PDB file of N, CA and C in Angstrom:
ATOM      1  N   MET A   1     -16.266   1.675  -8.368  1.00  0.00           N
ATOM      2  CA  MET A   1     -15.653   0.369  -8.505  1.00  0.00           C
ATOM      3  C   MET A   1     -15.919  -0.488  -7.157  1.00  0.00           C
ATOM      4  N   THR A   2     -15.776  -1.799  -7.351  1.00  0.00           N
ATOM      5  CA  THR A   2     -16.275  -2.617  -6.240  1.00  0.00           C
ATOM      6  C   THR A   2     -14.982  -3.551  -5.877  1.00  0.00           C
ATOM      7  N   LEU A   3     -15.302  -4.271  -5.154  1.00  0.00           N
ATOM      8  CA  LEU A   3     -14.120  -5.533  -4.631  1.00  0.00           C
ATOM      9  C   LEU A   3     -14.160  -6.656  -5.588  1.00  0.00           C
ATOM     10  N   ASP A   4     -12.975  -7.136  -5.954  1.00  0.00           N
ATOM     11  CA  ASP A   4     -13.035  -8.196  -6.940  1.00  0.00           C
ATOM     12  C   ASP A   4     -12.819  -9.479  -6.080  1.00  0.00           C
ATOM     13  N   PRO A   5     -13.778 -10.290  -6.314  1.00  0.00           N
ATOM     14  CA  PRO A   5     -13.680 -11.603  -5.502  1.00  0.00           C
ATOM     15  C   PRO A   5     -12.437 -12.602  -5.630  1.00  0.00           C
ATOM     16  N   GLU A   6     -11.896 -12.180  -6.696  1.00  0.00           N
ATOM     17  CA  GLU A   6     -10.546 -13.290  -7.019  1.00  0.00           C
ATOM     18  C   GLU A   6      -9.301 -12.492  -6.579  1.00  0.00           C
ATOM     19  N   CYS A   7      -9.436 -11.308  -6.134  1.00  0.00           N
ATOM     20  CA  CYS A   7      -8.160 -10.705  -5.691  1.00  0.00           C
ATOM     21  C   CYS A   7      -7.968 -10.915  -4.203  1.00  0.00           C
ATOM     22  N   ILE A   8      -6.704 -11.166  -4.128  1.00  0.00           N
ATOM     23  CA  ILE A   8      -6.172 -11.373  -2.456  1.00  0.00           C
ATOM     24  C   ILE A   8      -6.173 -10.050  -1.719  1.00  0.00           C
ATOM     25  N   PHE A   9      -5.902  -9.011  -2.281  1.00  0.00           N
ATOM     26  CA  PHE A   9      -5.857  -7.884  -1.422  1.00  0.00           C
ATOM     27  C   PHE A   9      -7.479  -7.453  -1.163  1.00  0.00           C
ATOM     28  N   CYS A  10      -8.435  -7.730  -2.172  1.00  0.00           N
ATOM     29  CA  CYS A  10      -9.796  -7.483  -1.790  1.00  0.00           C
ATOM     30  C   CYS A  10     -10.157  -8.584  -0.911  1.00  0.00           C
ATOM     31  N   LYS A  11      -9.810  -9.677  -0.651  1.00  0.00           N
ATOM     32  CA  LYS A  11      -9.995 -10.814   0.313  1.00  0.00           C
ATOM     33  C   LYS A  11      -9.540 -10.300   1.699  1.00  0.00           C
ATOM     34  N   ILE A  12      -8.261  -9.664   1.650  1.00  0.00           N
ATOM     35  CA  ILE A  12      -7.852  -9.130   3.070  1.00  0.00           C
ATOM     36  C   ILE A  12      -8.646  -7.887   3.445  1.00  0.00           C
ATOM     37  N   ILE A  13      -9.288  -7.034   2.432  1.00  0.00           N
ATOM     38  CA  ILE A  13     -10.226  -5.979   2.923  1.00  0.00           C
ATOM     39  C   ILE A  13     -11.556  -6.704   3.635  1.00  0.00           C
ATOM     40  N   GLU A  14     -11.963  -7.805   2.971  1.00  0.00           N
ATOM     41  CA  GLU A  14     -13.043  -8.225   3.375  1.00  0.00           C
ATOM     42  C   GLU A  14     -12.822  -9.229   4.623  1.00  0.00           C
ATOM     43  N   GLY A  15     -11.574  -9.407   4.902  1.00  0.00           N
ATOM     44  CA  GLY A  15     -11.590 -10.381   6.150  1.00  0.00           C
ATOM     45  C   GLY A  15     -11.356 -11.704   5.849  1.00  0.00           C
ATOM     46  N   GLN A  16     -11.575 -12.303   4.781  1.00  0.00           N
ATOM     47  CA  GLN A  16     -11.282 -13.608   4.322  1.00  0.00           C
ATOM     48  C   GLN A  16     -10.210 -14.062   4.132  1.00  0.00           C
ATOM     49  N   ILE A  17      -8.959 -13.336   4.210  1.00  0.00           N
ATOM     50  CA  ILE A  17      -7.488 -13.740   4.489  1.00  0.00           C
ATOM     51  C   ILE A  17      -6.919 -12.905   5.446  1.00  0.00           C
ATOM     52  N   PRO A  18      -6.314 -13.591   6.388  1.00  0.00           N
ATOM     53  CA  PRO A  18      -5.783 -12.830   7.674  1.00  0.00           C
ATOM     54  C   PRO A  18      -4.465 -11.895   7.226  1.00  0.00           C
ATOM     55  N   ALA A  19      -4.543 -10.747   7.875  1.00  0.00           N
ATOM     56  CA  ALA A  19      -3.184 -10.114   7.614  1.00  0.00           C
ATOM     57  C   ALA A  19      -3.040  -9.348   8.909  1.00  0.00           C
ATOM     58  N   GLU A  20      -1.777  -8.630   8.939  1.00  0.00           N
ATOM     59  CA  GLU A  20      -1.388  -8.086  10.365  1.00  0.00           C
ATOM     60  C   GLU A  20      -1.780  -6.897  10.006  1.00  0.00           C
ATOM     61  N   ILE A  21      -3.193  -6.222  10.240  1.00  0.00           N
ATOM     62  CA  ILE A  21      -3.690  -4.697   9.850  1.00  0.00           C
ATOM     63  C   ILE A  21      -3.047  -3.733  10.794  1.00  0.00           C
ATOM     64  N   ILE A  22      -2.454  -2.657  10.453  1.00  0.00           N
ATOM     65  CA  ILE A  22      -2.079  -1.847  11.356  1.00  0.00           C
ATOM     66  C   ILE A  22      -2.653  -0.303  11.072  1.00  0.00           C
ATOM     67  N   TYR A  23      -3.379  -0.302  10.122  1.00  0.00           N
ATOM     68  CA  TYR A  23      -4.134   0.999   9.935  1.00  0.00           C
ATOM     69  C   TYR A  23      -5.171   0.819   9.150  1.00  0.00           C
ATOM     70  N   ARG A  24      -6.357   1.302   9.494  1.00  0.00           N
ATOM     71  CA  ARG A  24      -7.675   1.256   8.474  1.00  0.00           C
ATOM     72  C   ARG A  24      -8.543   2.369   8.736  1.00  0.00           C
ATOM     73  N   ASN A  25      -9.163   2.973   7.475  1.00  0.00           N
ATOM     74  CA  ASN A  25     -10.126   3.914   7.510  1.00  0.00           C
ATOM     75  C   ASN A  25     -11.000   3.647   6.382  1.00  0.00           C
ATOM     76  N   ASP A  26     -12.244   4.385   6.112  1.00  0.00           N
ATOM     77  CA  ASP A  26     -13.069   4.246   5.103  1.00  0.00           C
ATOM     78  C   ASP A  26     -12.446   4.115   3.745  1.00  0.00           C
ATOM     79  N   ASN A  27     -11.212   4.506   3.642  1.00  0.00           N
ATOM     80  CA  ASN A  27     -10.664   4.741   2.111  1.00  0.00           C
ATOM     81  C   ASN A  27      -9.405   3.726   2.062  1.00  0.00           C
ATOM     82  N   VAL A  28      -8.631   3.521   3.106  1.00  0.00           N
ATOM     83  CA  VAL A  28      -7.487   2.653   3.004  1.00  0.00           C
ATOM     84  C   VAL A  28      -7.398   1.526   4.173  1.00  0.00           C
ATOM     85  N   LEU A  29      -6.438   0.725   3.826  1.00  0.00           N
ATOM     86  CA  LEU A  29      -6.229  -0.546   4.662  1.00  0.00           C
ATOM     87  C   LEU A  29      -4.503  -0.647   4.623  1.00  0.00           C
ATOM     88  N   ALA A  30      -4.031  -0.669   5.843  1.00  0.00           N
ATOM     89  CA  ALA A  30      -2.468  -0.822   5.810  1.00  0.00           C
ATOM     90  C   ALA A  30      -2.068  -2.010   6.690  1.00  0.00           C
ATOM     91  N   PHE A  31      -1.291  -2.984   6.032  1.00  0.00           N
ATOM     92  CA  PHE A  31      -0.701  -4.178   6.598  1.00  0.00           C
ATOM     93  C   PHE A  31       0.709  -4.437   6.325  1.00  0.00           C
ATOM     94  N   ASN A  32       1.550  -5.120   7.292  1.00  0.00           N
ATOM     95  CA  ASN A  32       2.659  -5.557   6.976  1.00  0.00           C
ATOM     96  C   ASN A  32       2.970  -6.372   5.784  1.00  0.00           C
ATOM     97  N   ASP A  33       3.896  -6.184   5.164  1.00  0.00           N
ATOM     98  CA  ASP A  33       4.213  -7.044   3.654  1.00  0.00           C
ATOM     99  C   ASP A  33       4.602  -8.227   4.217  1.00  0.00           C
ATOM    100  N   LEU A  34       4.281  -9.276   3.576  1.00  0.00           N
ATOM    101  CA  LEU A  34       4.787 -10.776   4.051  1.00  0.00           C
ATOM    102  C   LEU A  34       6.265 -10.915   3.376  1.00  0.00           C
ATOM    103  N   ASN A  35       6.936 -10.047   2.494  1.00  0.00           N
ATOM    104  CA  ASN A  35       8.077 -10.105   2.339  1.00  0.00           C
ATOM    105  C   ASN A  35       8.834  -9.043   2.302  1.00  0.00           C
ATOM    106  N   PRO A  36       9.124  -8.454   3.319  1.00  0.00           N
ATOM    107  CA  PRO A  36       9.757  -7.246   3.667  1.00  0.00           C
ATOM    108  C   PRO A  36      11.086  -6.813   3.075  1.00  0.00           C
ATOM    109  N   GLN A  37      11.394  -5.797   2.542  1.00  0.00           N
ATOM    110  CA  GLN A  37      12.554  -5.452   1.748  1.00  0.00           C
ATOM    111  C   GLN A  37      13.190  -4.218   2.658  1.00  0.00           C
ATOM    112  N   ALA A  38      12.659  -4.040   3.824  1.00  0.00           N
ATOM    113  CA  ALA A  38      13.107  -3.003   4.763  1.00  0.00           C
ATOM    114  C   ALA A  38      12.718  -3.371   6.208  1.00  0.00           C
ATOM    115  N   PRO A  39      13.442  -2.746   7.285  1.00  0.00           N
ATOM    116  CA  PRO A  39      12.926  -3.169   8.620  1.00  0.00           C
ATOM    117  C   PRO A  39      11.397  -2.719   8.791  1.00  0.00           C
ATOM    118  N   THR A  40      10.863  -1.551   7.893  1.00  0.00           N
ATOM    119  CA  THR A  40       9.424  -1.378   7.916  1.00  0.00           C
ATOM    120  C   THR A  40       9.125  -1.400   6.453  1.00  0.00           C
ATOM    121  N   HIS A  41       8.286  -2.506   6.198  1.00  0.00           N
ATOM    122  CA  HIS A  41       7.770  -2.453   5.033  1.00  0.00           C
ATOM    123  C   HIS A  41       6.188  -2.698   4.801  1.00  0.00           C
ATOM    124  N   ILE A  42       5.545  -1.687   4.735  1.00  0.00           N
ATOM    125  CA  ILE A  42       3.899  -1.909   4.870  1.00  0.00           C
ATOM    126  C   ILE A  42       3.266  -1.666   3.690  1.00  0.00           C
ATOM    127  N   LEU A  43       2.305  -2.157   3.238  1.00  0.00           N
ATOM    128  CA  LEU A  43       1.444  -2.176   2.025  1.00  0.00           C
ATOM    129  C   LEU A  43       0.184  -1.129   2.390  1.00  0.00           C
ATOM    130  N   ILE A  44      -0.124  -0.132   1.705  1.00  0.00           N
ATOM    131  CA  ILE A  44      -1.265   0.636   1.927  1.00  0.00           C
ATOM    132  C   ILE A  44      -1.996   0.562   0.620  1.00  0.00           C
ATOM    133  N   ILE A  45      -3.464  -0.145   0.980  1.00  0.00           N
ATOM    134  CA  ILE A  45      -4.308  -0.049  -0.237  1.00  0.00           C
ATOM    135  C   ILE A  45      -5.532   0.481  -0.313  1.00  0.00           C
ATOM    136  N   PRO A  46      -6.173   0.931  -1.418  1.00  0.00           N
ATOM    137  CA  PRO A  46      -7.503   1.361  -1.392  1.00  0.00           C
ATOM    138  C   PRO A  46      -8.585   0.236  -0.848  1.00  0.00           C
ATOM    139  N   THR A  47      -9.702   0.709  -0.191  1.00  0.00           N
ATOM    140  CA  THR A  47     -10.788  -0.080   0.123  1.00  0.00           C
ATOM    141  C   THR A  47     -11.725  -0.324  -1.070  1.00  0.00           C
ATOM    142  N   LEU A  48     -11.182  -0.117  -2.321  1.00  0.00           N
ATOM    143  CA  LEU A  48     -12.041  -0.535  -3.371  1.00  0.00           C
ATOM    144  C   LEU A  48     -11.036  -1.118  -4.377  1.00  0.00           C
ATOM    145  N   HIS A  49     -11.329  -1.870  -5.368  1.00  0.00           N
ATOM    146  CA  HIS A  49     -10.484  -2.369  -6.248  1.00  0.00           C
ATOM    147  C   HIS A  49     -10.096  -1.582  -7.585  1.00  0.00           C
ATOM    148  N   ALA A  50      -8.916  -1.200  -7.502  1.00  0.00           N
ATOM    149  CA  ALA A  50      -8.506  -0.599  -8.841  1.00  0.00           C
ATOM    150  C   ALA A  50      -7.065  -1.206  -9.017  1.00  0.00           C
ATOM    151  N   GLU A  51      -6.887  -1.398 -10.536  1.00  0.00           N
ATOM    152  CA  GLU A  51      -5.683  -2.271 -10.786  1.00  0.00           C
ATOM    153  C   GLU A  51      -4.248  -1.769 -10.369  1.00  0.00           C
ATOM    154  N   ASN A  52      -4.214  -0.381 -10.383  1.00  0.00           N
ATOM    155  CA  ASN A  52      -3.096   0.399 -10.168  1.00  0.00           C
ATOM    156  C   ASN A  52      -3.276   1.846  -9.680  1.00  0.00           C
ATOM    157  N   ALA A  53      -2.232   2.422  -9.367  1.00  0.00           N
ATOM    158  CA  ALA A  53      -2.246   4.018  -8.914  1.00  0.00           C
ATOM    159  C   ALA A  53      -2.967   4.787  -9.714  1.00  0.00           C
ATOM    160  N   ALA A  54      -2.585   4.794 -11.212  1.00  0.00           N
ATOM    161  CA  ALA A  54      -3.061   5.612 -12.187  1.00  0.00           C
ATOM    162  C   ALA A  54      -4.777   5.145 -12.126  1.00  0.00           C
ATOM    163  N   ALA A  55      -4.953   3.835 -11.937  1.00  0.00           N
ATOM    164  CA  ALA A  55      -6.788   3.648 -11.911  1.00  0.00           C
ATOM    165  C   ALA A  55      -7.371   4.376 -10.714  1.00  0.00           C
ATOM    166  N   VAL A  56      -6.635   4.209  -9.705  1.00  0.00           N
ATOM    167  CA  VAL A  56      -7.048   4.946  -8.391  1.00  0.00           C
ATOM    168  C   VAL A  56      -7.287   6.432  -8.641  1.00  0.00           C
ATOM    169  N   ALA A  57      -6.066   7.097  -9.191  1.00  0.00           N
ATOM    170  CA  ALA A  57      -6.131   8.585  -9.196  1.00  0.00           C
ATOM    171  C   ALA A  57      -7.204   8.867 -10.176  1.00  0.00           C
ATOM    172  N   ALA A  58      -7.470   8.096 -11.258  1.00  0.00           N
ATOM    173  CA  ALA A  58      -8.650   8.516 -12.453  1.00  0.00           C
ATOM    174  C   ALA A  58      -9.863   8.352 -11.436  1.00  0.00           C
ATOM    175  N   LEU A  59      -9.995   7.398 -10.659  1.00  0.00           N
ATOM    176  CA  LEU A  59     -11.448   7.261  -9.877  1.00  0.00           C
ATOM    177  C   LEU A  59     -11.590   8.319  -8.737  1.00  0.00           C
ATOM    178  N   SER A  60     -10.479   8.514  -8.102  1.00  0.00           N
ATOM    179  CA  SER A  60     -10.588   9.429  -6.918  1.00  0.00           C
ATOM    180  C   SER A  60      -9.253   9.931  -6.302  1.00  0.00           C
ATOM    181  N   PRO A  61      -8.744  11.238  -6.673  1.00  0.00           N
ATOM    182  CA  PRO A  61      -7.725  11.735  -6.108  1.00  0.00           C
ATOM    183  C   PRO A  61      -7.656  11.525  -4.788  1.00  0.00           C
ATOM    184  N   THR A  62      -8.947  11.948  -4.257  1.00  0.00           N
ATOM    185  CA  THR A  62      -9.036  11.865  -2.610  1.00  0.00           C
ATOM    186  C   THR A  62      -8.402  10.608  -2.112  1.00  0.00           C
ATOM    187  N   ILE A  63      -8.559   9.369  -2.693  1.00  0.00           N
ATOM    188  CA  ILE A  63      -8.110   8.124  -2.074  1.00  0.00           C
ATOM    189  C   ILE A  63      -6.411   8.033  -2.107  1.00  0.00           C
ATOM    190  N   ILE A  64      -5.963   8.625  -3.250  1.00  0.00           N
ATOM    191  CA  ILE A  64      -4.599   8.736  -3.454  1.00  0.00           C
ATOM    192  C   ILE A  64      -3.988   9.688  -2.131  1.00  0.00           C
ATOM    193  N   ALA A  65      -4.502  10.670  -1.987  1.00  0.00           N
ATOM    194  CA  ALA A  65      -3.962  11.351  -0.893  1.00  0.00           C
ATOM    195  C   ALA A  65      -4.162  10.788   0.279  1.00  0.00           C
ATOM    196  N   ALA A  66      -5.276  10.016   0.583  1.00  0.00           N
ATOM    197  CA  ALA A  66      -5.525   9.330   1.956  1.00  0.00           C
ATOM    198  C   ALA A  66      -4.484   8.240   1.971  1.00  0.00           C
ATOM    199  N   MET A  67      -3.989   7.781   0.776  1.00  0.00           N
ATOM    200  CA  MET A  67      -3.132   6.660   0.935  1.00  0.00           C
ATOM    201  C   MET A  67      -1.748   7.345   1.511  1.00  0.00           C
ATOM    202  N   HIS A  68      -1.402   8.514   0.850  1.00  0.00           N
ATOM    203  CA  HIS A  68      -0.128   9.074   1.440  1.00  0.00           C
ATOM    204  C   HIS A  68      -0.089   9.519   2.646  1.00  0.00           C
ATOM    205  N   ARG A  69      -1.481  10.131   3.209  1.00  0.00           N
ATOM    206  CA  ARG A  69      -1.667  10.634   4.505  1.00  0.00           C
ATOM    207  C   ARG A  69      -1.677   9.466   5.438  1.00  0.00           C
ATOM    208  N   ALA A  70      -2.090   8.449   5.115  1.00  0.00           N
ATOM    209  CA  ALA A  70      -1.959   7.059   6.190  1.00  0.00           C
ATOM    210  C   ALA A  70      -0.496   6.796   6.002  1.00  0.00           C
ATOM    211  N   ALA A  71       0.339   6.887   5.022  1.00  0.00           N
ATOM    212  CA  ALA A  71       1.889   6.599   5.083  1.00  0.00           C
ATOM    213  C   ALA A  71       2.508   7.335   6.135  1.00  0.00           C
ATOM    214  N   ASP A  72       2.121   8.763   5.963  1.00  0.00           N
ATOM    215  CA  ASP A  72       2.900   9.530   6.989  1.00  0.00           C
ATOM    216  C   ASP A  72       2.444   9.603   8.304  1.00  0.00           C
ATOM    217  N   GLU A  73       1.149   9.182   8.763  1.00  0.00           N
ATOM    218  CA  GLU A  73       0.724   8.928  10.062  1.00  0.00           C
ATOM    219  C   GLU A  73       1.258   7.663  10.465  1.00  0.00           C
ATOM    220  N   ILE A  74       1.530   6.625   9.636  1.00  0.00           N
ATOM    221  CA  ILE A  74       2.225   5.259  10.353  1.00  0.00           C
ATOM    222  C   ILE A  74       3.685   5.535  10.506  1.00  0.00           C
ATOM    223  N   ALA A  75       4.290   6.200   9.556  1.00  0.00           N
ATOM    224  CA  ALA A  75       5.747   6.690   9.578  1.00  0.00           C
ATOM    225  C   ALA A  75       6.083   7.453  10.995  1.00  0.00           C
ATOM    226  N   THR A  76       5.161   8.307  11.249  1.00  0.00           N
ATOM    227  CA  THR A  76       5.223   9.143  12.451  1.00  0.00           C
ATOM    228  C   THR A  76       5.032   8.151  13.583  1.00  0.00           C
ATOM    229  N   GLU A  77       3.957   7.328  13.710  1.00  0.00           N
ATOM    230  CA  GLU A  77       3.473   6.515  14.767  1.00  0.00           C
ATOM    231  C   GLU A  77       4.776   5.502  15.006  1.00  0.00           C
ATOM    232  N   LYS A  78       5.426   5.071  14.028  1.00  0.00           N
ATOM    233  CA  LYS A  78       6.439   4.132  13.933  1.00  0.00           C
ATOM    234  C   LYS A  78       7.910   4.754  14.521  1.00  0.00           C
ATOM    235  N   GLY A  79       7.886   6.218  14.462  1.00  0.00           N
ATOM    236  CA  GLY A  79       9.138   6.980  14.762  1.00  0.00           C
ATOM    237  C   GLY A  79      10.113   6.986  13.509  1.00  0.00           C
ATOM    238  N   LEU A  80       9.632   6.839  12.249  1.00  0.00           N
ATOM    239  CA  LEU A  80      10.815   6.646  11.222  1.00  0.00           C
ATOM    240  C   LEU A  80      11.202   8.192  10.868  1.00  0.00           C
ATOM    241  N   THR A  81      12.493   8.156  10.745  1.00  0.00           N
ATOM    242  CA  THR A  81      13.163   9.560  10.658  1.00  0.00           C
ATOM    243  C   THR A  81      13.117   9.785   8.955  1.00  0.00           C
ATOM    244  N   GLY A  82      12.995   8.919   8.162  1.00  0.00           N
ATOM    245  CA  GLY A  82      12.743   9.050   6.573  1.00  0.00           C
ATOM    246  C   GLY A  82      12.031   8.009   6.245  1.00  0.00           C
ATOM    247  N   TYR A  83      11.627   8.059   5.103  1.00  0.00           N
ATOM    248  CA  TYR A  83      10.759   6.714   4.503  1.00  0.00           C
ATOM    249  C   TYR A  83      10.478   7.177   3.106  1.00  0.00           C
ATOM    250  N   ARG A  84      10.439   6.057   2.520  1.00  0.00           N
ATOM    251  CA  ARG A  84      10.162   6.028   1.147  1.00  0.00           C
ATOM    252  C   ARG A  84       8.902   5.486   0.718  1.00  0.00           C
ATOM    253  N   THR A  85       8.061   6.163  -0.265  1.00  0.00           N
ATOM    254  CA  THR A  85       6.726   5.264  -0.705  1.00  0.00           C
ATOM    255  C   THR A  85       6.781   5.134  -2.249  1.00  0.00           C
ATOM    256  N   VAL A  86       6.483   4.136  -2.900  1.00  0.00           N
ATOM    257  CA  VAL A  86       6.589   3.565  -3.986  1.00  0.00           C
ATOM    258  C   VAL A  86       5.156   2.867  -4.469  1.00  0.00           C
ATOM    259  N   PHE A  87       4.610   3.344  -5.697  1.00  0.00           N
ATOM    260  CA  PHE A  87       3.795   2.624  -6.213  1.00  0.00           C
ATOM    261  C   PHE A  87       4.484   1.903  -7.681  1.00  0.00           C
ATOM    262  N   ASN A  88       4.372   0.467  -7.680  1.00  0.00           N
ATOM    263  CA  ASN A  88       4.814  -0.278  -8.672  1.00  0.00           C
ATOM    264  C   ASN A  88       3.713  -0.293  -9.897  1.00  0.00           C
ATOM    265  N   THR A  89       3.687   0.193 -10.851  1.00  0.00           N
ATOM    266  CA  THR A  89       2.635   0.009 -11.963  1.00  0.00           C
ATOM    267  C   THR A  89       3.188  -0.930 -13.100  1.00  0.00           C
ATOM    268  N   GLY A  90       2.281  -2.156 -13.135  1.00  0.00           N
ATOM    269  CA  GLY A  90       2.657  -2.789 -14.113  1.00  0.00           C
ATOM    270  C   GLY A  90       3.878  -3.984 -13.870  1.00  0.00           C
ATOM    271  N   ALA A  91       3.624  -5.116 -14.570  1.00  0.00           N
ATOM    272  CA  ALA A  91       4.630  -6.155 -14.101  1.00  0.00           C
ATOM    273  C   ALA A  91       6.068  -5.947 -14.351  1.00  0.00           C
ATOM    274  N   ASP A  92       6.304  -4.959 -15.437  1.00  0.00           N
ATOM    275  CA  ASP A  92       7.814  -4.711 -15.783  1.00  0.00           C
ATOM    276  C   ASP A  92       8.314  -3.917 -14.507  1.00  0.00           C
ATOM    277  N   ALA A  93       7.294  -3.116 -13.699  1.00  0.00           N
ATOM    278  CA  ALA A  93       7.805  -2.369 -12.722  1.00  0.00           C
ATOM    279  C   ALA A  93       7.867  -3.041 -11.390  1.00  0.00           C
ATOM    280  N   GLY A  94       7.497  -4.410 -11.500  1.00  0.00           N
ATOM    281  CA  GLY A  94       7.541  -5.122 -10.252  1.00  0.00           C
ATOM    282  C   GLY A  94       6.318  -5.547  -9.475  1.00  0.00           C
ATOM    283  N   GLN A  95       5.267  -4.960 -10.312  1.00  0.00           N
ATOM    284  CA  GLN A  95       3.667  -5.305  -9.510  1.00  0.00           C
ATOM    285  C   GLN A  95       3.569  -6.474  -9.941  1.00  0.00           C
ATOM    286  N   SER A  96       2.957  -7.213  -8.779  1.00  0.00           N
ATOM    287  CA  SER A  96       2.725  -8.623  -8.819  1.00  0.00           C
ATOM    288  C   SER A  96       1.340  -8.898  -8.429  1.00  0.00           C
ATOM    289  N   VAL A  97       0.816  -8.220  -7.403  1.00  0.00           N
ATOM    290  CA  VAL A  97      -0.643  -8.003  -7.202  1.00  0.00           C
ATOM    291  C   VAL A  97      -1.266  -6.908  -7.831  1.00  0.00           C
ATOM    292  N   PHE A  98      -2.377  -7.138  -8.765  1.00  0.00           N
ATOM    293  CA  PHE A  98      -2.789  -6.012  -9.493  1.00  0.00           C
ATOM    294  C   PHE A  98      -4.032  -5.420  -8.838  1.00  0.00           C
ATOM    295  N   HIS A  99      -3.762  -5.040  -7.558  1.00  0.00           N
ATOM    296  CA  HIS A  99      -4.667  -4.202  -6.784  1.00  0.00           C
ATOM    297  C   HIS A  99      -3.827  -3.193  -6.277  1.00  0.00           C
ATOM    298  N   ALA A 100      -3.836  -1.530  -6.652  1.00  0.00           N
ATOM    299  CA  ALA A 100      -3.011  -0.694  -6.407  1.00  0.00           C
ATOM    300  C   ALA A 100      -2.677  -0.874  -4.929  1.00  0.00           C
ATOM    301  N   HIS A 101      -1.245  -0.460  -4.723  1.00  0.00           N
ATOM    302  CA  HIS A 101      -0.922  -0.720  -3.446  1.00  0.00           C
ATOM    303  C   HIS A 101       0.475   0.175  -3.238  1.00  0.00           C
ATOM    304  N   LEU A 102       0.433   1.097  -2.142  1.00  0.00           N
ATOM    305  CA  LEU A 102       1.689   1.968  -2.013  1.00  0.00           C
ATOM    306  C   LEU A 102       2.644   1.183  -0.780  1.00  0.00           C
ATOM    307  N   HIS A 103       3.720   0.966  -1.341  1.00  0.00           N
ATOM    308  CA  HIS A 103       4.746   0.410  -0.400  1.00  0.00           C
ATOM    309  C   HIS A 103       5.460   1.683   0.613  1.00  0.00           C
ATOM    310  N   LEU A 104       5.421   1.381   1.792  1.00  0.00           N
ATOM    311  CA  LEU A 104       6.048   2.385   2.603  1.00  0.00           C
ATOM    312  C   LEU A 104       7.217   1.628   3.324  1.00  0.00           C
ATOM    313  N   LEU A 105       8.472   2.054   2.853  1.00  0.00           N
ATOM    314  CA  LEU A 105       9.481   1.432   3.359  1.00  0.00           C
ATOM    315  C   LEU A 105      10.381   2.425   4.243  1.00  0.00           C
ATOM    316  N   GLY A 106      10.842   2.016   5.392  1.00  0.00           N
ATOM    317  CA  GLY A 106      11.756   2.620   6.299  1.00  0.00           C
ATOM    318  C   GLY A 106      12.410   1.901   7.108  1.00  0.00           C
ATOM    319  N   GLY A 107      13.129   2.547   8.210  1.00  0.00           N
ATOM    320  CA  GLY A 107      13.804   1.620   9.283  1.00  0.00           C
ATOM    321  C   GLY A 107      15.312   1.550   9.135  1.00  0.00           C
ATOM    322  N   ARG A 108      15.744   1.949   7.889  1.00  0.00           N
ATOM    323  CA  ARG A 108      17.218   1.962   7.680  1.00  0.00           C
ATOM    324  C   ARG A 108      17.383   2.969   6.601  1.00  0.00           C
ATOM    325  N   VAL A 109      18.804   3.240   6.561  1.00  0.00           N
ATOM    326  CA  VAL A 109      19.020   4.132   5.269  1.00  0.00           C
ATOM    327  C   VAL A 109      18.818   3.383   3.858  1.00  0.00           C
ATOM    328  N   LEU A 110      17.987   4.058   3.138  1.00  0.00           N
ATOM    329  CA  LEU A 110      17.506   3.470   1.923  1.00  0.00           C
ATOM    330  C   LEU A 110      18.456   4.058   0.443  1.00  0.00           C
ATOM    331  N   ALA A 111      19.050   3.071  -0.096  1.00  0.00           N
ATOM    332  CA  ALA A 111      20.016   3.430  -1.113  1.00  0.00           C
ATOM    333  C   ALA A 111      19.268   3.983  -2.416  1.00  0.00           C
ATOM    334  N   TRP A 112      19.920   4.871  -3.029  1.00  0.00           N
ATOM    335  CA  TRP A 112      19.387   5.450  -4.401  1.00  0.00           C
ATOM    336  C   TRP A 112      20.579   5.302  -5.449  1.00  0.00           C
ATOM    337  N   PRO A 113      20.302   4.916  -6.590  1.00  0.00           N
ATOM    338  CA  PRO A 113      18.921   4.668  -7.140  1.00  0.00           C
ATOM    339  C   PRO A 113      18.323   3.116  -6.507  1.00  0.00           C
ATOM    340  N   PRO A 114      17.173   2.984  -6.610  1.00  0.00           N
ATOM    341  CA  PRO A 114      16.492   1.631  -5.807  1.00  0.00           C
ATOM    342  C   PRO A 114      16.892   0.657  -6.814  1.00  0.00           C
ATOM    343  N   GLY A 115      17.058   0.590  -8.019  1.00  0.00           N
ATOM    344  CA  GLY A 115      17.461  -0.735  -8.672  1.00  0.00           C
ATOM    345  C   GLY A 115      16.624  -1.147  -9.726  1.00  0.00           C
TER     346      GLY A 115
END
């Protein structure tokens, strides 16, 4: 899969749209969410275009693992004592950008169920 020229996250990957990038390697890019739902709210995206987590997993389980490793590295760097990772898949689950992204949330006690 390649990048989608119409996708906002693909444009961030290519540097066409600015973002506060906090982590990057060959497989993933992480940046602060513009509408944070916790003191730490970071989006971790694959550096290729795939609509959702299932599409990434079908393409490369290695990239899904890289996204989770990045989440743990970022959480450790930020000193989080606990964190939550969430993939929203489909509009009914709250996915609003159809480029797979893992939410990393932390920095406060997180309620359960999430809602």
